[in-house]
Amino acid sequence: MVTIVLCDDEVESLQRTEAEIERIKEKLPYPVDVVKYADTDYLMERIDNRELQSDILIVDVDMPKMSGLDIAKYIRQNKLDIIIIFLTGHDEYVYSSFEFAPLRYIRKEFIKEELLYALLAACRNVDKKKKKKIWGKKKKKKKKFFFFNCLFYFWKIYGGELAAARPEIPPYPGPPVAVKIVSCV
C-alpha cells in the first residue's frame, strides 16, 4: 500500500487530481490510498507532530498561506523520507524547486499525460526504500550463510561426502586439523 498525500488550496484541483489517480491506479504496482489537504496549516501540523504517514506528497507550488516550496523545504530540513512531486500551473517555479529534490514537476494543464509517469517513478523509489529496509534484515542471514560455507569448506578438506558440493574451493594445503561439526539450526 502506498499513501499519496495531495495538498492544493484549490478544491477543484484537488478533486481533479484525485479523480486522475483513481483513473490510473490500476496501472500502478501498488494499491494506493489518497489523503487530501486543502489547508496547508493542517498539513504542517500533521508533519510537525510526525502524524503524516505518507510515501508520496503531491503539492501545489503556489498557495496563499504557505507555498509548496516552503513545505518541501521543511520536509527536507527535517530529513523526512517523503517523495515530493510538485503540481502547478506556473512554469516559473521549476528552477527554484530543484533545491528541494522533487521527483517530478507536473503542470496542471498536462496532468493526464504526466501524472501516471510521475507516480510510476515514485513507486520505483518506494521499491528502493523497501529493499533497503529488507537488505538490513538480510545482512544477519548473510553471516549464517557464511558460517555454512565454512562448514562445507571444512567438510571438503577432510574428505566428507559433500566434497563435490563446492568444487571451486581449492584443497586445504596445510596439515589436517581436527574439526568437530555440531548440529546446525
N, C-alpha and C. Protein backbone atom coordinates (compact mmCIF):
# COMPACT_ATOMS: atom_id res chain seq x y z
N MET A 1 0.85 -1.18 0.00
CA MET A 1 0.00 0.00 0.00
C MET A 1 0.89 1.24 0.00
N VAL A 2 0.62 2.15 -0.91
CA VAL A 2 1.33 3.41 -0.99
C VAL A 2 0.36 4.52 -0.64
N THR A 3 0.78 5.39 0.27
CA THR A 3 -0.07 6.52 0.65
C THR A 3 0.39 7.76 -0.11
N ILE A 4 -0.56 8.37 -0.80
CA ILE A 4 -0.30 9.59 -1.56
C ILE A 4 -1.05 10.73 -0.87
N VAL A 5 -0.32 11.77 -0.50
CA VAL A 5 -0.94 12.95 0.09
C VAL A 5 -1.00 14.04 -0.97
N LEU A 6 -2.19 14.59 -1.15
CA LEU A 6 -2.39 15.70 -2.08
C LEU A 6 -2.59 16.97 -1.27
N CYS A 7 -1.93 18.04 -1.66
CA CYS A 7 -2.13 19.32 -0.99
C CYS A 7 -2.26 20.41 -2.04
N ASP A 8 -3.42 21.05 -2.05
CA ASP A 8 -3.70 22.13 -3.00
C ASP A 8 -4.76 23.02 -2.38
N ASP A 9 -4.59 24.33 -2.50
CA ASP A 9 -5.57 25.25 -1.94
C ASP A 9 -6.85 25.32 -2.77
N GLU A 10 -6.79 24.88 -4.01
CA GLU A 10 -7.97 24.89 -4.88
C GLU A 10 -8.66 23.53 -4.78
N VAL A 11 -9.86 23.52 -4.24
CA VAL A 11 -10.60 22.27 -4.04
C VAL A 11 -10.87 21.56 -5.37
N GLU A 12 -11.16 22.34 -6.40
CA GLU A 12 -11.42 21.75 -7.72
C GLU A 12 -10.19 21.01 -8.25
N SER A 13 -9.04 21.60 -8.04
CA SER A 13 -7.79 20.96 -8.47
C SER A 13 -7.52 19.69 -7.67
N LEU A 14 -7.82 19.71 -6.38
CA LEU A 14 -7.67 18.51 -5.55
C LEU A 14 -8.55 17.38 -6.08
N GLN A 15 -9.79 17.71 -6.37
CA GLN A 15 -10.73 16.70 -6.87
C GLN A 15 -10.30 16.16 -8.23
N ARG A 16 -9.80 17.05 -9.08
CA ARG A 16 -9.34 16.63 -10.41
C ARG A 16 -8.13 15.70 -10.30
N THR A 17 -7.21 16.02 -9.40
CA THR A 17 -6.03 15.17 -9.21
C THR A 17 -6.42 13.82 -8.62
N GLU A 18 -7.32 13.83 -7.65
CA GLU A 18 -7.78 12.57 -7.06
C GLU A 18 -8.49 11.71 -8.10
N ALA A 19 -9.30 12.33 -8.93
CA ALA A 19 -10.01 11.59 -9.98
C ALA A 19 -9.02 10.99 -10.97
N GLU A 20 -7.97 11.71 -11.28
CA GLU A 20 -6.96 11.19 -12.21
C GLU A 20 -6.21 10.01 -11.59
N ILE A 21 -5.92 10.09 -10.30
CA ILE A 21 -5.27 8.96 -9.61
C ILE A 21 -6.20 7.74 -9.62
N GLU A 22 -7.48 7.96 -9.38
CA GLU A 22 -8.46 6.87 -9.43
C GLU A 22 -8.48 6.22 -10.82
N ARG A 23 -8.36 7.06 -11.86
CA ARG A 23 -8.40 6.56 -13.23
C ARG A 23 -7.18 5.69 -13.56
N ILE A 24 -6.01 6.05 -13.02
CA ILE A 24 -4.78 5.35 -13.39
C ILE A 24 -4.29 4.34 -12.35
N LYS A 25 -4.98 4.22 -11.23
CA LYS A 25 -4.45 3.40 -10.14
C LYS A 25 -4.27 1.93 -10.50
N GLU A 26 -5.01 1.42 -11.47
CA GLU A 26 -4.85 0.03 -11.90
C GLU A 26 -3.52 -0.19 -12.60
N LYS A 27 -2.91 0.87 -13.10
CA LYS A 27 -1.63 0.76 -13.81
C LYS A 27 -0.44 0.87 -12.86
N LEU A 28 -0.70 1.16 -11.59
CA LEU A 28 0.37 1.31 -10.61
C LEU A 28 0.68 -0.04 -9.97
N PRO A 29 1.93 -0.26 -9.56
CA PRO A 29 2.30 -1.56 -9.00
C PRO A 29 1.78 -1.83 -7.58
N TYR A 30 1.29 -0.79 -6.91
CA TYR A 30 0.78 -0.94 -5.54
C TYR A 30 -0.64 -0.39 -5.45
N PRO A 31 -1.43 -0.90 -4.52
CA PRO A 31 -2.70 -0.22 -4.22
C PRO A 31 -2.38 1.12 -3.58
N VAL A 32 -3.22 2.11 -3.84
CA VAL A 32 -2.94 3.45 -3.32
C VAL A 32 -4.04 3.93 -2.39
N ASP A 33 -3.63 4.72 -1.42
CA ASP A 33 -4.55 5.38 -0.51
C ASP A 33 -4.28 6.87 -0.68
N VAL A 34 -5.32 7.65 -0.98
CA VAL A 34 -5.16 9.08 -1.23
C VAL A 34 -5.74 9.87 -0.07
N VAL A 35 -4.92 10.80 0.46
CA VAL A 35 -5.34 11.70 1.53
C VAL A 35 -5.22 13.12 0.99
N LYS A 36 -6.28 13.93 1.18
CA LYS A 36 -6.29 15.28 0.61
C LYS A 36 -6.24 16.34 1.71
N TYR A 37 -5.50 17.41 1.43
CA TYR A 37 -5.43 18.58 2.31
C TYR A 37 -5.61 19.83 1.47
N ALA A 38 -6.60 20.65 1.84
CA ALA A 38 -6.77 21.94 1.19
C ALA A 38 -6.19 23.06 2.07
N ASP A 39 -5.87 22.71 3.31
CA ASP A 39 -5.35 23.67 4.28
C ASP A 39 -3.90 23.32 4.60
N THR A 40 -2.98 24.20 4.24
CA THR A 40 -1.56 23.94 4.49
C THR A 40 -1.23 23.95 5.98
N ASP A 41 -1.96 24.73 6.76
CA ASP A 41 -1.71 24.77 8.20
C ASP A 41 -1.95 23.39 8.83
N TYR A 42 -3.04 22.76 8.44
CA TYR A 42 -3.37 21.44 8.99
C TYR A 42 -2.33 20.41 8.54
N LEU A 43 -1.91 20.48 7.29
CA LEU A 43 -0.88 19.58 6.79
C LEU A 43 0.42 19.76 7.57
N MET A 44 0.82 21.01 7.78
CA MET A 44 2.07 21.28 8.51
C MET A 44 1.98 20.83 9.97
N GLU A 45 0.81 20.96 10.55
CA GLU A 45 0.60 20.48 11.92
C GLU A 45 0.81 18.96 11.98
N ARG A 46 0.27 18.26 10.99
CA ARG A 46 0.44 16.80 10.92
C ARG A 46 1.91 16.42 10.70
N ILE A 47 2.61 17.20 9.88
CA ILE A 47 4.04 16.93 9.64
C ILE A 47 4.83 17.21 10.92
N ASP A 48 4.54 18.32 11.60
CA ASP A 48 5.23 18.68 12.85
C ASP A 48 5.08 17.61 13.91
N ASN A 49 3.89 17.06 14.03
CA ASN A 49 3.61 16.05 15.06
C ASN A 49 4.00 14.64 14.63
N ARG A 50 4.62 14.54 13.45
CA ARG A 50 5.03 13.24 12.89
C ARG A 50 3.84 12.29 12.73
N GLU A 51 2.69 12.85 12.44
CA GLU A 51 1.47 12.06 12.23
C GLU A 51 1.23 11.77 10.76
N LEU A 52 2.00 12.40 9.89
CA LEU A 52 1.80 12.23 8.46
C LEU A 52 2.49 10.95 8.01
N GLN A 53 1.72 9.96 7.66
CA GLN A 53 2.24 8.70 7.15
C GLN A 53 2.07 8.73 5.63
N SER A 54 3.10 9.16 4.95
CA SER A 54 3.00 9.32 3.51
C SER A 54 4.25 8.82 2.82
N ASP A 55 4.06 8.19 1.68
CA ASP A 55 5.18 7.81 0.83
C ASP A 55 5.44 8.89 -0.21
N ILE A 56 4.34 9.46 -0.72
CA ILE A 56 4.42 10.43 -1.81
C ILE A 56 3.60 11.66 -1.45
N LEU A 57 4.16 12.84 -1.66
CA LEU A 57 3.45 14.10 -1.46
C LEU A 57 3.35 14.81 -2.80
N ILE A 58 2.12 15.04 -3.24
CA ILE A 58 1.89 15.84 -4.45
C ILE A 58 1.36 17.18 -3.97
N VAL A 59 2.15 18.22 -4.17
CA VAL A 59 1.81 19.52 -3.58
C VAL A 59 1.85 20.63 -4.63
N ASP A 60 0.86 21.51 -4.53
CA ASP A 60 0.81 22.69 -5.39
C ASP A 60 1.92 23.64 -4.95
N VAL A 61 2.56 24.27 -5.89
CA VAL A 61 3.66 25.18 -5.56
C VAL A 61 3.13 26.52 -5.06
N ASP A 62 2.14 27.07 -5.73
CA ASP A 62 1.65 28.41 -5.43
C ASP A 62 0.36 28.36 -4.61
N MET A 63 0.50 28.57 -3.29
CA MET A 63 -0.65 28.60 -2.40
C MET A 63 -0.54 29.84 -1.51
N PRO A 64 -1.67 30.38 -1.04
CA PRO A 64 -1.64 31.67 -0.33
C PRO A 64 -0.95 31.64 1.05
N LYS A 65 -1.27 30.69 1.91
CA LYS A 65 -0.70 30.70 3.25
C LYS A 65 0.77 30.29 3.26
N MET A 66 1.02 29.15 2.67
CA MET A 66 2.36 28.59 2.64
C MET A 66 2.55 27.91 1.29
N SER A 67 3.64 28.20 0.62
CA SER A 67 3.83 27.63 -0.71
C SER A 67 4.28 26.17 -0.60
N GLY A 68 4.13 25.46 -1.69
CA GLY A 68 4.60 24.09 -1.74
C GLY A 68 6.12 24.01 -1.58
N LEU A 69 6.82 25.07 -2.03
CA LEU A 69 8.27 25.12 -1.85
C LEU A 69 8.64 25.20 -0.37
N ASP A 70 7.85 25.96 0.40
CA ASP A 70 8.10 26.05 1.84
C ASP A 70 7.86 24.72 2.54
N ILE A 71 6.82 24.02 2.12
CA ILE A 71 6.52 22.70 2.69
C ILE A 71 7.65 21.73 2.36
N ALA A 72 8.11 21.75 1.11
CA ALA A 72 9.21 20.87 0.69
C ALA A 72 10.49 21.20 1.46
N LYS A 73 10.74 22.48 1.65
CA LYS A 73 11.93 22.90 2.40
C LYS A 73 11.88 22.34 3.83
N TYR A 74 10.72 22.44 4.47
CA TYR A 74 10.55 21.93 5.83
C TYR A 74 10.76 20.41 5.88
N ILE A 75 10.21 19.72 4.90
CA ILE A 75 10.35 18.26 4.84
C ILE A 75 11.82 17.87 4.69
N ARG A 76 12.54 18.54 3.81
CA ARG A 76 13.96 18.22 3.58
C ARG A 76 14.82 18.61 4.78
N GLN A 77 14.53 19.75 5.42
CA GLN A 77 15.30 20.16 6.58
C GLN A 77 15.14 19.18 7.74
N ASN A 78 13.96 18.58 7.85
CA ASN A 78 13.70 17.62 8.93
C ASN A 78 13.99 16.18 8.52
N LYS A 79 14.59 16.04 7.33
CA LYS A 79 15.02 14.72 6.82
C LYS A 79 13.90 13.67 6.83
N LEU A 80 12.72 14.10 6.43
CA LEU A 80 11.60 13.17 6.32
C LEU A 80 11.71 12.44 4.99
N ASP A 81 11.46 11.16 5.01
CA ASP A 81 11.61 10.32 3.83
C ASP A 81 10.32 10.29 3.02
N ILE A 82 10.04 11.39 2.36
CA ILE A 82 8.81 11.53 1.55
C ILE A 82 9.21 11.94 0.14
N ILE A 83 8.65 11.27 -0.84
CA ILE A 83 8.89 11.63 -2.23
C ILE A 83 8.01 12.82 -2.57
N ILE A 84 8.60 13.87 -3.11
CA ILE A 84 7.85 15.10 -3.40
C ILE A 84 7.67 15.24 -4.91
N ILE A 85 6.42 15.50 -5.28
CA ILE A 85 6.07 15.82 -6.66
C ILE A 85 5.35 17.15 -6.63
N PHE A 86 5.87 18.13 -7.37
CA PHE A 86 5.21 19.44 -7.42
C PHE A 86 4.17 19.44 -8.53
N LEU A 87 3.03 20.04 -8.23
CA LEU A 87 1.93 20.16 -9.17
C LEU A 87 1.59 21.64 -9.24
N THR A 88 1.67 22.22 -10.43
CA THR A 88 1.41 23.66 -10.53
C THR A 88 1.04 24.07 -11.94
N GLY A 89 0.50 25.24 -12.03
CA GLY A 89 0.19 25.84 -13.32
C GLY A 89 1.23 26.89 -13.70
N HIS A 90 2.27 27.03 -12.88
CA HIS A 90 3.29 28.06 -13.09
C HIS A 90 4.64 27.44 -13.41
N ASP A 91 5.12 27.67 -14.62
CA ASP A 91 6.42 27.12 -15.02
C ASP A 91 7.60 27.87 -14.40
N GLU A 92 7.38 29.07 -13.92
CA GLU A 92 8.49 29.88 -13.41
C GLU A 92 9.10 29.36 -12.11
N TYR A 93 8.43 28.41 -11.45
CA TYR A 93 8.96 27.86 -10.20
C TYR A 93 9.83 26.62 -10.39
N VAL A 94 9.97 26.17 -11.62
CA VAL A 94 10.68 24.93 -11.88
C VAL A 94 12.10 24.97 -11.30
N TYR A 95 12.86 25.99 -11.64
CA TYR A 95 14.26 26.03 -11.22
C TYR A 95 14.43 26.22 -9.72
N SER A 96 13.55 26.97 -9.10
CA SER A 96 13.66 27.15 -7.65
C SER A 96 13.25 25.88 -6.89
N SER A 97 12.52 24.99 -7.55
CA SER A 97 12.10 23.75 -6.88
C SER A 97 13.22 22.72 -6.83
N PHE A 98 14.22 22.82 -7.68
CA PHE A 98 15.30 21.84 -7.71
C PHE A 98 16.04 21.74 -6.38
N GLU A 99 16.07 22.82 -5.64
CA GLU A 99 16.76 22.86 -4.35
C GLU A 99 16.21 21.81 -3.38
N PHE A 100 14.95 21.43 -3.55
CA PHE A 100 14.29 20.52 -2.61
C PHE A 100 14.17 19.09 -3.14
N ALA A 101 14.89 18.80 -4.19
CA ALA A 101 14.98 17.46 -4.79
C ALA A 101 13.62 16.81 -5.03
N PRO A 102 12.76 17.48 -5.79
CA PRO A 102 11.48 16.82 -6.11
C PRO A 102 11.73 15.71 -7.14
N LEU A 103 10.86 14.73 -7.13
CA LEU A 103 10.97 13.67 -8.11
C LEU A 103 10.49 14.15 -9.48
N ARG A 104 9.40 14.91 -9.48
CA ARG A 104 8.83 15.42 -10.73
C ARG A 104 8.20 16.79 -10.50
N TYR A 105 7.93 17.45 -11.61
CA TYR A 105 7.26 18.74 -11.63
C TYR A 105 6.15 18.60 -12.66
N ILE A 106 4.90 18.49 -12.21
CA ILE A 106 3.77 18.26 -13.11
C ILE A 106 3.01 19.57 -13.32
N ARG A 107 2.71 19.85 -14.56
CA ARG A 107 1.90 21.04 -14.88
C ARG A 107 0.43 20.64 -14.87
N LYS A 108 -0.39 21.45 -14.21
CA LYS A 108 -1.81 21.11 -14.05
C LYS A 108 -2.51 20.89 -15.38
N GLU A 109 -2.15 21.66 -16.37
CA GLU A 109 -2.84 21.51 -17.66
C GLU A 109 -2.46 20.22 -18.39
N PHE A 110 -1.38 19.56 -17.94
CA PHE A 110 -0.95 18.30 -18.56
C PHE A 110 -1.01 17.13 -17.58
N ILE A 111 -1.86 17.22 -16.59
CA ILE A 111 -1.91 16.20 -15.54
C ILE A 111 -2.24 14.82 -16.09
N LYS A 112 -3.11 14.75 -17.08
CA LYS A 112 -3.48 13.44 -17.65
C LYS A 112 -2.31 12.76 -18.33
N GLU A 113 -1.41 13.54 -18.91
CA GLU A 113 -0.25 12.98 -19.61
C GLU A 113 0.91 12.70 -18.66
N GLU A 114 1.06 13.47 -17.60
CA GLU A 114 2.27 13.41 -16.78
C GLU A 114 2.13 12.67 -15.45
N LEU A 115 0.93 12.58 -14.91
CA LEU A 115 0.76 12.02 -13.57
C LEU A 115 1.11 10.53 -13.51
N LEU A 116 0.69 9.76 -14.47
CA LEU A 116 0.97 8.32 -14.46
C LEU A 116 2.48 8.07 -14.40
N TYR A 117 3.25 8.74 -15.26
CA TYR A 117 4.69 8.52 -15.29
C TYR A 117 5.37 9.00 -14.01
N ALA A 118 4.85 10.05 -13.43
CA ALA A 118 5.40 10.54 -12.16
C ALA A 118 5.15 9.53 -11.04
N LEU A 119 3.95 8.98 -11.00
CA LEU A 119 3.63 8.00 -9.94
C LEU A 119 4.35 6.67 -10.15
N LEU A 120 4.56 6.27 -11.39
CA LEU A 120 5.35 5.06 -11.65
C LEU A 120 6.78 5.24 -11.17
N ALA A 121 7.35 6.41 -11.43
CA ALA A 121 8.72 6.71 -10.96
C ALA A 121 8.75 6.75 -9.43
N ALA A 122 7.73 7.32 -8.84
CA ALA A 122 7.66 7.38 -7.37
C ALA A 122 7.55 5.98 -6.78
N CYS A 123 6.78 5.11 -7.41
CA CYS A 123 6.65 3.73 -6.92
C CYS A 123 7.98 2.99 -7.02
N ARG A 124 8.76 3.27 -8.06
CA ARG A 124 10.10 2.66 -8.16
C ARG A 124 10.97 3.12 -6.98
N ASN A 125 10.86 4.38 -6.60
CA ASN A 125 11.62 4.89 -5.45
C ASN A 125 11.13 4.25 -4.15
N VAL A 126 9.83 4.04 -4.04
CA VAL A 126 9.28 3.37 -2.86
C VAL A 126 9.85 1.95 -2.79
N ASP A 127 9.94 1.27 -3.95
CA ASP A 127 10.54 -0.06 -4.02
C ASP A 127 11.96 -0.05 -3.49
N LYS A 128 12.74 0.93 -3.93
CA LYS A 128 14.14 1.03 -3.48
C LYS A 128 14.21 1.20 -1.97
N LYS A 129 13.32 2.03 -1.42
CA LYS A 129 13.32 2.24 0.03
C LYS A 129 12.98 0.95 0.77
N LYS A 130 12.00 0.22 0.25
CA LYS A 130 11.61 -1.04 0.89
C LYS A 130 12.73 -2.06 0.81
N LYS A 131 13.43 -2.11 -0.32
CA LYS A 131 14.53 -3.06 -0.47
C LYS A 131 15.68 -2.72 0.47
N LYS A 132 15.93 -1.44 0.71
CA LYS A 132 16.97 -1.05 1.67
C LYS A 132 16.61 -1.54 3.06
N LYS A 133 15.36 -1.43 3.44
CA LYS A 133 14.93 -1.90 4.76
C LYS A 133 15.06 -3.42 4.85
N ILE A 134 14.69 -4.12 3.80
CA ILE A 134 14.80 -5.58 3.78
C ILE A 134 16.26 -6.00 3.79
N TRP A 135 17.11 -5.27 3.05
CA TRP A 135 18.52 -5.61 2.98
C TRP A 135 19.15 -5.59 4.36
N GLY A 136 18.77 -4.64 5.19
CA GLY A 136 19.29 -4.58 6.55
C GLY A 136 18.98 -5.86 7.31
N LYS A 137 17.82 -6.44 7.09
CA LYS A 137 17.44 -7.69 7.74
C LYS A 137 18.21 -8.87 7.14
N LYS A 138 18.49 -8.84 5.85
CA LYS A 138 19.19 -9.94 5.20
C LYS A 138 20.65 -10.01 5.61
N LYS A 139 21.23 -8.91 6.05
CA LYS A 139 22.63 -8.92 6.43
C LYS A 139 22.90 -9.97 7.50
N LYS A 140 22.01 -10.12 8.47
CA LYS A 140 22.18 -11.11 9.52
C LYS A 140 22.18 -12.52 8.94
N LYS A 141 21.32 -12.75 7.97
CA LYS A 141 21.27 -14.06 7.33
C LYS A 141 22.55 -14.34 6.57
N LYS A 142 23.18 -13.30 6.04
CA LYS A 142 24.40 -13.49 5.29
C LYS A 142 25.49 -14.08 6.17
N LYS A 143 25.58 -13.69 7.43
CA LYS A 143 26.56 -14.26 8.35
C LYS A 143 26.30 -15.75 8.53
N LYS A 144 25.05 -16.11 8.64
CA LYS A 144 24.68 -17.52 8.80
C LYS A 144 25.11 -18.29 7.55
N PHE A 145 24.88 -17.68 6.38
CA PHE A 145 25.27 -18.30 5.12
C PHE A 145 26.79 -18.48 5.07
N PHE A 146 27.53 -17.48 5.53
CA PHE A 146 28.98 -17.56 5.58
C PHE A 146 29.40 -18.73 6.47
N PHE A 147 28.75 -18.90 7.60
CA PHE A 147 29.05 -19.99 8.52
C PHE A 147 28.88 -21.34 7.83
N PHE A 148 27.79 -21.52 7.10
CA PHE A 148 27.56 -22.77 6.40
C PHE A 148 28.57 -22.98 5.28
N ASN A 149 29.00 -21.91 4.61
CA ASN A 149 30.05 -22.04 3.60
C ASN A 149 31.32 -22.57 4.24
N CYS A 150 31.65 -22.07 5.42
CA CYS A 150 32.84 -22.55 6.13
C CYS A 150 32.70 -24.03 6.47
N LEU A 151 31.53 -24.45 6.92
CA LEU A 151 31.33 -25.86 7.24
C LEU A 151 31.53 -26.73 6.01
N PHE A 152 30.99 -26.31 4.87
CA PHE A 152 31.17 -27.08 3.65
C PHE A 152 32.65 -27.14 3.26
N TYR A 153 33.32 -26.02 3.47
CA TYR A 153 34.74 -25.96 3.14
C TYR A 153 35.51 -26.97 3.99
N PHE A 154 35.27 -26.98 5.32
CA PHE A 154 35.96 -27.92 6.20
C PHE A 154 35.58 -29.36 5.85
N TRP A 155 34.33 -29.57 5.51
CA TRP A 155 33.88 -30.90 5.16
C TRP A 155 34.64 -31.40 3.93
N LYS A 156 34.85 -30.52 2.97
CA LYS A 156 35.56 -30.88 1.74
C LYS A 156 37.02 -31.18 2.04
N ILE A 157 37.63 -30.37 2.89
CA ILE A 157 39.04 -30.55 3.22
C ILE A 157 39.29 -31.94 3.78
N TYR A 158 38.41 -32.40 4.61
CA TYR A 158 38.62 -33.66 5.30
C TYR A 158 37.88 -34.83 4.65
N GLY A 159 37.57 -34.71 3.34
CA GLY A 159 37.07 -35.83 2.57
C GLY A 159 35.64 -36.22 2.86
N GLY A 160 34.79 -35.28 3.27
CA GLY A 160 33.39 -35.59 3.51
C GLY A 160 32.67 -35.91 2.22
N GLU A 161 31.50 -36.45 2.34
CA GLU A 161 30.72 -36.82 1.16
C GLU A 161 30.32 -35.60 0.33
N LEU A 162 30.30 -34.42 0.94
CA LEU A 162 29.88 -33.22 0.22
C LEU A 162 31.04 -32.51 -0.44
N ALA A 163 32.14 -33.22 -0.67
CA ALA A 163 33.32 -32.59 -1.27
C ALA A 163 33.01 -32.03 -2.65
N ALA A 164 32.09 -32.63 -3.37
CA ALA A 164 31.76 -32.14 -4.71
C ALA A 164 30.82 -30.95 -4.68
N ALA A 165 30.31 -30.61 -3.50
CA ALA A 165 29.34 -29.51 -3.40
C ALA A 165 29.97 -28.16 -3.71
N ARG A 166 31.25 -27.99 -3.42
CA ARG A 166 31.93 -26.71 -3.66
C ARG A 166 33.23 -26.95 -4.43
N PRO A 167 33.18 -27.38 -5.69
CA PRO A 167 34.41 -27.70 -6.43
C PRO A 167 35.30 -26.49 -6.68
N GLU A 168 34.76 -25.27 -6.56
CA GLU A 168 35.56 -24.07 -6.84
C GLU A 168 36.53 -23.73 -5.72
N ILE A 169 36.38 -24.38 -4.55
CA ILE A 169 37.27 -24.11 -3.42
C ILE A 169 38.48 -25.04 -3.53
N PRO A 170 39.69 -24.47 -3.56
CA PRO A 170 40.88 -25.32 -3.67
C PRO A 170 41.09 -26.12 -2.39
N PRO A 171 41.76 -27.25 -2.48
CA PRO A 171 42.00 -28.07 -1.28
C PRO A 171 42.87 -27.32 -0.27
N TYR A 172 42.68 -27.64 0.97
CA TYR A 172 43.43 -27.02 2.06
C TYR A 172 44.87 -27.52 2.01
N PRO A 173 45.87 -26.62 1.91
CA PRO A 173 47.26 -27.06 1.74
C PRO A 173 47.95 -27.45 3.06
N GLY A 174 47.42 -27.06 4.18
CA GLY A 174 48.10 -27.28 5.46
C GLY A 174 47.86 -28.66 6.04
N PRO A 175 48.43 -28.88 7.23
CA PRO A 175 48.25 -30.19 7.89
C PRO A 175 46.80 -30.36 8.32
N PRO A 176 46.34 -31.60 8.46
CA PRO A 176 44.96 -31.83 8.88
C PRO A 176 44.72 -31.30 10.30
N VAL A 177 43.55 -30.77 10.49
CA VAL A 177 43.15 -30.23 11.78
C VAL A 177 41.85 -30.91 12.15
N ALA A 178 41.73 -31.28 13.42
CA ALA A 178 40.51 -31.93 13.86
C ALA A 178 39.41 -30.88 13.99
N VAL A 179 38.28 -31.12 13.33
CA VAL A 179 37.15 -30.19 13.38
C VAL A 179 35.93 -31.00 13.78
N LYS A 180 35.28 -30.53 14.81
CA LYS A 180 34.06 -31.19 15.25
C LYS A 180 32.88 -30.38 14.75
N ILE A 181 32.02 -30.99 13.94
CA ILE A 181 30.85 -30.28 13.42
C ILE A 181 29.66 -30.65 14.30
N VAL A 182 29.12 -29.62 14.89
CA VAL A 182 27.96 -29.80 15.76
C VAL A 182 26.72 -29.55 14.91
N SER A 183 25.58 -30.04 15.32
CA SER A 183 24.37 -29.85 14.53
C SER A 183 24.08 -28.37 14.38
N CYS A 184 23.65 -28.00 13.19
CA CYS A 184 23.38 -26.60 12.87
C CYS A 184 21.88 -26.39 12.74
N VAL A 185 21.41 -25.29 13.29
CA VAL A 185 19.98 -25.00 13.20
C VAL A 185 19.77 -23.81 12.33
